[in-house]
PDB file of N, CA and C in Angstrom:
ATOM      1  N   MET A   1     298.685 164.337 247.892  1.00  0.00           N
ATOM      2  CA  MET A   1     298.299 163.495 246.902  1.00  0.00           C
ATOM      3  C   MET A   1     298.139 164.000 245.365  1.00  0.00           C
ATOM      4  N   ALA A   2     298.555 163.526 244.393  1.00  0.00           N
ATOM      5  CA  ALA A   2     298.445 163.967 243.084  1.00  0.00           C
ATOM      6  C   ALA A   2     296.986 163.665 242.436  1.00  0.00           C
ATOM      7  N   SER A   3     296.604 164.633 241.723  1.00  0.00           N
ATOM      8  CA  SER A   3     295.305 164.363 241.188  1.00  0.00           C
ATOM      9  C   SER A   3     295.312 163.439 240.011  1.00  0.00           C
ATOM     10  N   THR A   4     294.236 162.702 240.000  1.00  0.00           N
ATOM     11  CA  THR A   4     294.176 161.770 238.678  1.00  0.00           C
ATOM     12  C   THR A   4     293.245 162.323 237.785  1.00  0.00           C
ATOM     13  N   LEU A   5     292.646 163.315 237.987  1.00  0.00           N
ATOM     14  CA  LEU A   5     291.693 164.003 236.966  1.00  0.00           C
ATOM     15  C   LEU A   5     292.515 164.887 236.113  1.00  0.00           C
ATOM     16  N   GLU A   6     292.475 164.590 234.849  1.00  0.00           N
ATOM     17  CA  GLU A   6     293.071 165.413 233.758  1.00  0.00           C
ATOM     18  C   GLU A   6     291.965 166.362 233.246  1.00  0.00           C
ATOM     19  N   LEU A   7     292.153 167.619 233.388  1.00  0.00           N
ATOM     20  CA  LEU A   7     291.124 168.444 232.855  1.00  0.00           C
ATOM     21  C   LEU A   7     291.351 169.075 231.493  1.00  0.00           C
ATOM     22  N   SER A   8     290.558 168.796 230.710  1.00  0.00           N
ATOM     23  CA  SER A   8     290.690 169.401 229.351  1.00  0.00           C
ATOM     24  C   SER A   8     290.258 170.762 229.453  1.00  0.00           C
ATOM     25  N   GLU A   9     291.030 171.663 228.884  1.00  0.00           N
ATOM     26  CA  GLU A   9     290.779 173.102 229.024  1.00  0.00           C
ATOM     27  C   GLU A   9     289.725 173.549 228.158  1.00  0.00           C
ATOM     28  N   ALA A  10     289.467 172.880 226.995  1.00  0.00           N
ATOM     29  CA  ALA A  10     288.295 173.240 226.178  1.00  0.00           C
ATOM     30  C   ALA A  10     287.010 172.841 226.783  1.00  0.00           C
ATOM     31  N   ALA A  11     286.987 171.710 227.385  1.00  0.00           N
ATOM     32  CA  ALA A  11     285.867 171.130 228.155  1.00  0.00           C
ATOM     33  C   ALA A  11     285.828 171.926 229.369  1.00  0.00           C
ATOM     34  N   LEU A  12     286.458 172.286 230.285  1.00  0.00           N
ATOM     35  CA  LEU A  12     286.381 173.204 231.333  1.00  0.00           C
ATOM     36  C   LEU A  12     285.871 174.389 231.081  1.00  0.00           C
ATOM     37  N   THR A  13     286.261 175.158 229.991  1.00  0.00           N
ATOM     38  CA  THR A  13     285.897 176.351 229.509  1.00  0.00           C
ATOM     39  C   THR A  13     284.444 176.213 229.079  1.00  0.00           C
ATOM     40  N   GLY A  14     284.076 175.426 228.280  1.00  0.00           N
ATOM     41  CA  GLY A  14     282.769 175.176 227.767  1.00  0.00           C
ATOM     42  C   GLY A  14     281.801 174.881 228.804  1.00  0.00           C
ATOM     43  N   LEU A  15     282.089 174.043 229.675  1.00  0.00           N
ATOM     44  CA  LEU A  15     281.173 173.868 230.990  1.00  0.00           C
ATOM     45  C   LEU A  15     281.170 175.028 231.744  1.00  0.00           C
ATOM     46  N   ARG A  16     282.145 175.674 232.051  1.00  0.00           N
ATOM     47  CA  ARG A  16     282.132 176.798 232.813  1.00  0.00           C
ATOM     48  C   ARG A  16     281.140 177.886 232.213  1.00  0.00           C
ATOM     49  N   ASP A  17     281.321 178.139 230.965  1.00  0.00           N
ATOM     50  CA  ASP A  17     280.479 179.158 230.219  1.00  0.00           C
ATOM     51  C   ASP A  17     278.874 178.611 230.283  1.00  0.00           C
ATOM     52  N   HIS A  18     278.797 177.386 229.982  1.00  0.00           N
ATOM     53  CA  HIS A  18     277.367 176.885 230.246  1.00  0.00           C
ATOM     54  C   HIS A  18     276.693 177.149 231.668  1.00  0.00           C
ATOM     55  N   LEU A  19     277.416 176.805 232.768  1.00  0.00           N
ATOM     56  CA  LEU A  19     277.052 177.057 234.036  1.00  0.00           C
ATOM     57  C   LEU A  19     276.830 178.576 234.268  1.00  0.00           C
ATOM     58  N   MET A  20     277.801 179.493 233.749  1.00  0.00           N
ATOM     59  CA  MET A  20     277.541 180.896 233.881  1.00  0.00           C
ATOM     60  C   MET A  20     276.256 181.433 233.187  1.00  0.00           C
ATOM     61  N   THR A  21     275.862 180.782 232.127  1.00  0.00           N
ATOM     62  CA  THR A  21     274.856 181.310 231.283  1.00  0.00           C
ATOM     63  C   THR A  21     273.777 180.772 231.907  1.00  0.00           C
ATOM     64  N   THR A  22     273.622 179.505 232.394  1.00  0.00           N
ATOM     65  CA  THR A  22     272.414 179.016 232.992  1.00  0.00           C
ATOM     66  C   THR A  22     272.055 179.852 234.347  1.00  0.00           C
ATOM     67  N   ALA A  23     273.260 180.149 235.073  1.00  0.00           N
ATOM     68  CA  ALA A  23     273.063 180.918 236.444  1.00  0.00           C
ATOM     69  C   ALA A  23     272.464 182.213 236.064  1.00  0.00           C
ATOM     70  N   ALA A  24     272.877 182.924 235.297  1.00  0.00           N
ATOM     71  CA  ALA A  24     272.503 184.206 234.779  1.00  0.00           C
ATOM     72  C   ALA A  24     271.090 184.139 234.541  1.00  0.00           C
ATOM     73  N   ASP A  25     270.612 183.166 233.553  1.00  0.00           N
ATOM     74  CA  ASP A  25     269.229 182.979 233.174  1.00  0.00           C
ATOM     75  C   ASP A  25     268.183 182.780 234.501  1.00  0.00           C
ATOM     76  N   GLU A  26     268.835 182.144 235.503  1.00  0.00           N
ATOM     77  CA  GLU A  26     267.961 181.892 236.630  1.00  0.00           C
ATOM     78  C   GLU A  26     268.258 182.788 237.900  1.00  0.00           C
ATOM     79  N   ASP A  27     268.846 183.973 237.546  1.00  0.00           N
ATOM     80  CA  ASP A  27     269.139 184.829 238.712  1.00  0.00           C
ATOM     81  C   ASP A  27     270.013 184.405 239.695  1.00  0.00           C
ATOM     82  N   LYS A  28     271.106 183.441 239.510  1.00  0.00           N
ATOM     83  CA  LYS A  28     271.958 182.791 240.506  1.00  0.00           C
ATOM     84  C   LYS A  28     273.272 183.183 240.149  1.00  0.00           C
ATOM     85  N   THR A  29     274.000 182.867 241.076  1.00  0.00           N
ATOM     86  CA  THR A  29     275.612 183.204 240.890  1.00  0.00           C
ATOM     87  C   THR A  29     275.961 181.754 240.233  1.00  0.00           C
ATOM     88  N   PRO A  30     277.180 181.745 239.492  1.00  0.00           N
ATOM     89  CA  PRO A  30     277.623 180.488 238.811  1.00  0.00           C
ATOM     90  C   PRO A  30     277.915 179.412 239.950  1.00  0.00           C
ATOM     91  N   LEU A  31     278.269 179.793 241.071  1.00  0.00           N
ATOM     92  CA  LEU A  31     278.661 178.936 242.223  1.00  0.00           C
ATOM     93  C   LEU A  31     277.372 178.243 242.767  1.00  0.00           C
ATOM     94  N   GLU A  32     276.311 179.124 242.873  1.00  0.00           N
ATOM     95  CA  GLU A  32     274.911 178.516 243.375  1.00  0.00           C
ATOM     96  C   GLU A  32     274.351 177.485 242.175  1.00  0.00           C
ATOM     97  N   GLU A  33     274.724 177.729 240.897  1.00  0.00           N
ATOM     98  CA  GLU A  33     274.315 176.801 239.907  1.00  0.00           C
ATOM     99  C   GLU A  33     274.982 175.411 240.100  1.00  0.00           C
ATOM    100  N   LEU A  34     276.501 175.683 240.237  1.00  0.00           N
ATOM    101  CA  LEU A  34     277.275 174.419 240.453  1.00  0.00           C
ATOM    102  C   LEU A  34     276.800 173.625 241.622  1.00  0.00           C
ATOM    103  N   ASP A  35     276.654 174.399 242.573  1.00  0.00           N
ATOM    104  CA  ASP A  35     276.308 173.575 243.952  1.00  0.00           C
ATOM    105  C   ASP A  35     274.869 172.988 243.790  1.00  0.00           C
ATOM    106  N   GLY A  36     274.158 173.505 242.879  1.00  0.00           N
ATOM    107  CA  GLY A  36     272.869 172.784 242.727  1.00  0.00           C
ATOM    108  C   GLY A  36     272.684 171.441 241.951  1.00  0.00           C
ATOM    109  N   LEU A  37     273.974 171.131 241.250  1.00  0.00           N
ATOM    110  CA  LEU A  37     274.006 169.870 240.491  1.00  0.00           C
ATOM    111  C   LEU A  37     274.413 168.870 241.211  1.00  0.00           C
ATOM    112  N   SER A  38     273.618 167.716 241.035  1.00  0.00           N
ATOM    113  CA  SER A  38     274.167 166.433 241.708  1.00  0.00           C
ATOM    114  C   SER A  38     275.552 166.040 241.015  1.00  0.00           C
ATOM    115  N   ASP A  39     275.964 165.052 241.594  1.00  0.00           N
ATOM    116  CA  ASP A  39     277.342 164.603 241.135  1.00  0.00           C
ATOM    117  C   ASP A  39     277.102 163.836 239.836  1.00  0.00           C
ATOM    118  N   SER A  40     275.934 163.183 239.621  1.00  0.00           N
ATOM    119  CA  SER A  40     275.745 162.455 238.559  1.00  0.00           C
ATOM    120  C   SER A  40     275.311 163.323 237.334  1.00  0.00           C
ATOM    121  N   VAL A  41     274.706 164.486 237.550  1.00  0.00           N
ATOM    122  CA  VAL A  41     274.427 165.385 236.430  1.00  0.00           C
ATOM    123  C   VAL A  41     275.727 166.271 236.073  1.00  0.00           C
ATOM    124  N   LEU A  42     276.500 166.681 237.157  1.00  0.00           N
ATOM    125  CA  LEU A  42     277.805 167.313 236.819  1.00  0.00           C
ATOM    126  C   LEU A  42     278.705 166.384 235.928  1.00  0.00           C
ATOM    127  N   ALA A  43     278.884 165.187 236.365  1.00  0.00           N
ATOM    128  CA  ALA A  43     279.627 164.114 235.738  1.00  0.00           C
ATOM    129  C   ALA A  43     278.896 163.953 234.279  1.00  0.00           C
ATOM    130  N   ALA A  44     277.683 163.991 233.967  1.00  0.00           N
ATOM    131  CA  ALA A  44     277.153 163.729 232.538  1.00  0.00           C
ATOM    132  C   ALA A  44     277.489 164.943 231.730  1.00  0.00           C
ATOM    133  N   TYR A  45     277.416 166.159 232.244  1.00  0.00           N
ATOM    134  CA  TYR A  45     277.747 167.440 231.580  1.00  0.00           C
ATOM    135  C   TYR A  45     279.187 167.339 231.280  1.00  0.00           C
ATOM    136  N   TRP A  46     280.001 167.003 232.405  1.00  0.00           N
ATOM    137  CA  TRP A  46     281.530 166.826 232.042  1.00  0.00           C
ATOM    138  C   TRP A  46     281.813 165.993 230.959  1.00  0.00           C
ATOM    139  N   HIS A  47     281.193 164.664 230.931  1.00  0.00           N
ATOM    140  CA  HIS A  47     281.480 163.669 229.836  1.00  0.00           C
ATOM    141  C   HIS A  47     280.856 164.468 228.565  1.00  0.00           C
ATOM    142  N   GLY A  48     279.837 165.224 228.444  1.00  0.00           N
ATOM    143  CA  GLY A  48     279.387 165.755 227.148  1.00  0.00           C
ATOM    144  C   GLY A  48     280.612 166.733 226.578  1.00  0.00           C
ATOM    145  N   TYR A  49     281.000 167.535 227.750  1.00  0.00           N
ATOM    146  CA  TYR A  49     281.835 168.610 227.229  1.00  0.00           C
ATOM    147  C   TYR A  49     283.279 168.037 226.803  1.00  0.00           C
ATOM    148  N   VAL A  50     283.790 166.981 227.332  1.00  0.00           N
ATOM    149  CA  VAL A  50     284.940 166.431 227.021  1.00  0.00           C
ATOM    150  C   VAL A  50     284.801 165.645 225.736  1.00  0.00           C
ATOM    151  N   LYS A  51     283.563 165.053 225.386  1.00  0.00           N
ATOM    152  CA  LYS A  51     283.433 164.282 224.106  1.00  0.00           C
ATOM    153  C   LYS A  51     283.413 165.341 223.147  1.00  0.00           C
ATOM    154  N   ALA A  52     282.638 166.445 223.208  1.00  0.00           N
ATOM    155  CA  ALA A  52     282.491 167.353 222.153  1.00  0.00           C
ATOM    156  C   ALA A  52     283.777 168.124 222.085  1.00  0.00           C
ATOM    157  N   SER A  53     284.443 168.438 222.762  1.00  0.00           N
ATOM    158  CA  SER A  53     285.636 169.285 222.680  1.00  0.00           C
ATOM    159  C   SER A  53     286.668 168.349 222.116  1.00  0.00           C
ATOM    160  N   GLU A  54     286.630 167.168 222.036  1.00  0.00           N
ATOM    161  CA  GLU A  54     287.655 166.143 221.501  1.00  0.00           C
ATOM    162  C   GLU A  54     287.443 166.314 219.918  1.00  0.00           C
ATOM    163  N   SER A  55     286.225 166.641 219.565  1.00  0.00           N
ATOM    164  CA  SER A  55     285.942 166.798 218.143  1.00  0.00           C
ATOM    165  C   SER A  55     286.593 168.224 217.558  1.00  0.00           C
ATOM    166  N   GLY A  56     286.792 169.158 218.276  1.00  0.00           N
ATOM    167  CA  GLY A  56     287.343 170.426 217.838  1.00  0.00           C
ATOM    168  C   GLY A  56     286.366 171.401 217.709  1.00  0.00           C
ATOM    169  N   ARG A  57     285.219 171.041 218.237  1.00  0.00           N
ATOM    170  CA  ARG A  57     284.112 171.999 218.129  1.00  0.00           C
ATOM    171  C   ARG A  57     284.288 173.207 219.057  1.00  0.00           C
ATOM    172  N   THR A  58     283.558 174.314 218.705  1.00  0.00           N
ATOM    173  CA  THR A  58     284.016 175.513 219.450  1.00  0.00           C
ATOM    174  C   THR A  58     282.517 176.105 219.440  1.00  0.00           C
ATOM    175  N   GLY A  59     282.366 177.219 220.386  1.00  0.00           N
ATOM    176  CA  GLY A  59     281.274 178.070 220.458  1.00  0.00           C
ATOM    177  C   GLY A  59     279.878 177.254 220.658  1.00  0.00           C
ATOM    178  N   GLN A  60     278.869 177.573 219.866  1.00  0.00           N
ATOM    179  CA  GLN A  60     277.602 177.177 219.818  1.00  0.00           C
ATOM    180  C   GLN A  60     277.545 175.742 219.648  1.00  0.00           C
ATOM    181  N   ALA A  61     278.420 175.195 218.500  1.00  0.00           N
ATOM    182  CA  ALA A  61     278.447 173.905 218.145  1.00  0.00           C
ATOM    183  C   ALA A  61     278.926 173.072 219.255  1.00  0.00           C
ATOM    184  N   LEU A  62     280.004 173.631 220.179  1.00  0.00           N
ATOM    185  CA  LEU A  62     280.452 172.930 221.177  1.00  0.00           C
ATOM    186  C   LEU A  62     279.331 172.538 222.151  1.00  0.00           C
ATOM    187  N   HIS A  63     278.530 173.576 222.567  1.00  0.00           N
ATOM    188  CA  HIS A  63     277.385 173.425 223.531  1.00  0.00           C
ATOM    189  C   HIS A  63     276.410 172.476 223.137  1.00  0.00           C
ATOM    190  N   ILE A  64     276.185 172.564 221.600  1.00  0.00           N
ATOM    191  CA  ILE A  64     275.026 171.786 221.203  1.00  0.00           C
ATOM    192  C   ILE A  64     275.558 170.170 221.200  1.00  0.00           C
ATOM    193  N   ALA A  65     276.658 169.904 220.851  1.00  0.00           N
ATOM    194  CA  ALA A  65     277.210 168.707 220.775  1.00  0.00           C
ATOM    195  C   ALA A  65     277.385 168.200 222.322  1.00  0.00           C
ATOM    196  N   ALA A  66     277.903 168.933 223.149  1.00  0.00           N
ATOM    197  CA  ALA A  66     277.837 168.525 224.599  1.00  0.00           C
ATOM    198  C   ALA A  66     276.668 168.063 225.198  1.00  0.00           C
ATOM    199  N   PHE A  67     275.580 168.937 224.913  1.00  0.00           N
ATOM    200  CA  PHE A  67     274.125 168.604 225.337  1.00  0.00           C
ATOM    201  C   PHE A  67     273.753 167.136 224.849  1.00  0.00           C
ATOM    202  N   GLY A  68     274.065 166.934 223.637  1.00  0.00           N
ATOM    203  CA  GLY A  68     273.687 165.601 223.070  1.00  0.00           C
ATOM    204  C   GLY A  68     274.493 164.552 223.617  1.00  0.00           C
ATOM    205  N   ASP A  69     275.932 164.675 223.877  1.00  0.00           N
ATOM    206  CA  ASP A  69     276.791 163.743 224.423  1.00  0.00           C
ATOM    207  C   ASP A  69     276.380 163.477 225.850  1.00  0.00           C
ATOM    208  N   SER A  70     275.957 164.440 226.553  1.00  0.00           N
ATOM    209  CA  SER A  70     275.690 164.405 227.955  1.00  0.00           C
ATOM    210  C   SER A  70     274.399 163.529 228.247  1.00  0.00           C
ATOM    211  N   LEU A  71     273.481 163.519 227.212  1.00  0.00           N
ATOM    212  CA  LEU A  71     272.289 162.753 227.487  1.00  0.00           C
ATOM    213  C   LEU A  71     272.630 161.087 227.452  1.00  0.00           C
ATOM    214  N   PHE A  72     273.808 160.889 226.729  1.00  0.00           N
ATOM    215  CA  PHE A  72     274.155 159.521 226.528  1.00  0.00           C
ATOM    216  C   PHE A  72     275.384 159.160 227.464  1.00  0.00           C
ATOM    217  N   ALA A  73     275.470 159.940 228.409  1.00  0.00           N
ATOM    218  CA  ALA A  73     276.806 159.634 229.353  1.00  0.00           C
ATOM    219  C   ALA A  73     276.675 158.388 229.942  1.00  0.00           C
ATOM    220  N   PRO A  74     277.591 157.393 230.046  1.00  0.00           N
ATOM    221  CA  PRO A  74     277.454 156.177 230.796  1.00  0.00           C
ATOM    222  C   PRO A  74     277.509 156.446 232.217  1.00  0.00           C
ATOM    223  N   MET A  75     276.955 155.571 232.891  1.00  0.00           N
ATOM    224  CA  MET A  75     277.019 155.738 234.497  1.00  0.00           C
ATOM    225  C   MET A  75     278.407 155.758 234.946  1.00  0.00           C
ATOM    226  N   VAL A  76     279.306 155.172 234.199  1.00  0.00           N
ATOM    227  CA  VAL A  76     280.537 155.171 234.923  1.00  0.00           C
ATOM    228  C   VAL A  76     281.423 156.560 234.707  1.00  0.00           C
ATOM    229  N   ALA A  77     280.617 157.383 234.102  1.00  0.00           N
ATOM    230  CA  ALA A  77     280.932 158.800 233.916  1.00  0.00           C
ATOM    231  C   ALA A  77     281.138 159.396 235.192  1.00  0.00           C
ATOM    232  N   VAL A  78     280.392 158.914 236.224  1.00  0.00           N
ATOM    233  CA  VAL A  78     280.430 159.527 237.512  1.00  0.00           C
ATOM    234  C   VAL A  78     281.799 159.117 238.251  1.00  0.00           C
ATOM    235  N   CYS A  79     282.978 159.822 238.112  1.00  0.00           N
ATOM    236  CA  CYS A  79     284.057 159.342 238.633  1.00  0.00           C
ATOM    237  C   CYS A  79     284.364 159.899 240.020  1.00  0.00           C
ATOM    238  N   LYS A  80     285.303 159.112 240.689  1.00  0.00           N
ATOM    239  CA  LYS A  80     285.569 159.421 242.167  1.00  0.00           C
ATOM    240  C   LYS A  80     286.226 160.804 242.107  1.00  0.00           C
ATOM    241  N   ASP A  81     286.756 161.572 241.190  1.00  0.00           N
ATOM    242  CA  ASP A  81     287.224 162.768 241.094  1.00  0.00           C
ATOM    243  C   ASP A  81     286.287 163.822 240.829  1.00  0.00           C
ATOM    244  N   ILE A  82     285.039 163.598 240.890  1.00  0.00           N
ATOM    245  CA  ILE A  82     284.074 164.775 240.738  1.00  0.00           C
ATOM    246  C   ILE A  82     284.256 165.996 241.539  1.00  0.00           C
ATOM    247  N   ASP A  83     284.730 165.728 242.747  1.00  0.00           N
ATOM    248  CA  ASP A  83     284.972 166.810 243.771  1.00  0.00           C
ATOM    249  C   ASP A  83     286.160 167.794 243.261  1.00  0.00           C
ATOM    250  N   GLU A  84     287.038 167.055 242.567  1.00  0.00           N
ATOM    251  CA  GLU A  84     288.173 167.924 242.014  1.00  0.00           C
ATOM    252  C   GLU A  84     287.694 168.859 240.983  1.00  0.00           C
ATOM    253  N   LEU A  85     286.933 168.209 239.940  1.00  0.00           N
ATOM    254  CA  LEU A  85     285.991 169.157 238.924  1.00  0.00           C
ATOM    255  C   LEU A  85     285.350 170.095 239.732  1.00  0.00           C
ATOM    256  N   ARG A  86     284.471 170.008 240.691  1.00  0.00           N
ATOM    257  CA  ARG A  86     283.810 171.066 241.513  1.00  0.00           C
ATOM    258  C   ARG A  86     284.725 172.063 241.794  1.00  0.00           C
ATOM    259  N   VAL A  87     285.985 171.707 242.342  1.00  0.00           N
ATOM    260  CA  VAL A  87     286.931 172.860 242.808  1.00  0.00           C
ATOM    261  C   VAL A  87     287.425 173.533 241.642  1.00  0.00           C
ATOM    262  N   ALA A  88     287.907 172.911 240.537  1.00  0.00           N
ATOM    263  CA  ALA A  88     288.386 173.649 239.426  1.00  0.00           C
ATOM    264  C   ALA A  88     287.312 174.529 238.719  1.00  0.00           C
ATOM    265  N   LEU A  89     286.015 174.236 238.663  1.00  0.00           N
ATOM    266  CA  LEU A  89     285.102 175.050 238.295  1.00  0.00           C
ATOM    267  C   LEU A  89     284.824 176.136 239.273  1.00  0.00           C
ATOM    268  N   ALA A  90     284.812 176.001 240.455  1.00  0.00           N
ATOM    269  CA  ALA A  90     284.502 176.973 241.468  1.00  0.00           C
ATOM    270  C   ALA A  90     285.683 178.089 241.362  1.00  0.00           C
ATOM    271  N   HIS A  91     286.801 177.580 241.226  1.00  0.00           N
ATOM    272  CA  HIS A  91     288.058 178.508 241.163  1.00  0.00           C
ATOM    273  C   HIS A  91     287.957 179.355 239.823  1.00  0.00           C
ATOM    274  N   SER A  92     287.403 178.715 238.624  1.00  0.00           N
ATOM    275  CA  SER A  92     287.305 179.487 237.479  1.00  0.00           C
ATOM    276  C   SER A  92     286.115 180.538 237.505  1.00  0.00           C
ATOM    277  N   PHE A  93     285.435 180.457 238.450  1.00  0.00           N
ATOM    278  CA  PHE A  93     284.453 181.565 238.512  1.00  0.00           C
ATOM    279  C   PHE A  93     284.964 182.765 239.225  1.00  0.00           C
ATOM    280  N   GLN A  94     286.144 182.579 239.927  1.00  0.00           N
ATOM    281  CA  GLN A  94     286.588 183.786 240.738  1.00  0.00           C
ATOM    282  C   GLN A  94     287.324 184.671 239.799  1.00  0.00           C
TER     283      GLN A  94
END
């Protein structure tokens, strides 16, 4: 079955960096950090990073904008393909 989830490379990289930084701050592995996120929180973060990356922001500006955008993520942001996002992120940690 073909994936219906289109992953923005900039958004995926930004979210990956965020998870890696948060994990390091909490003495966890990035995978432990990812596994600790509920689907709704992960979807909100994803929504935030997609929106922020669409504006062309990078670096710290991307993370700041993504955080703000994730706070206002619509409930429909929790997509059926969240498992595919988890898999893509997990593979990116390797």
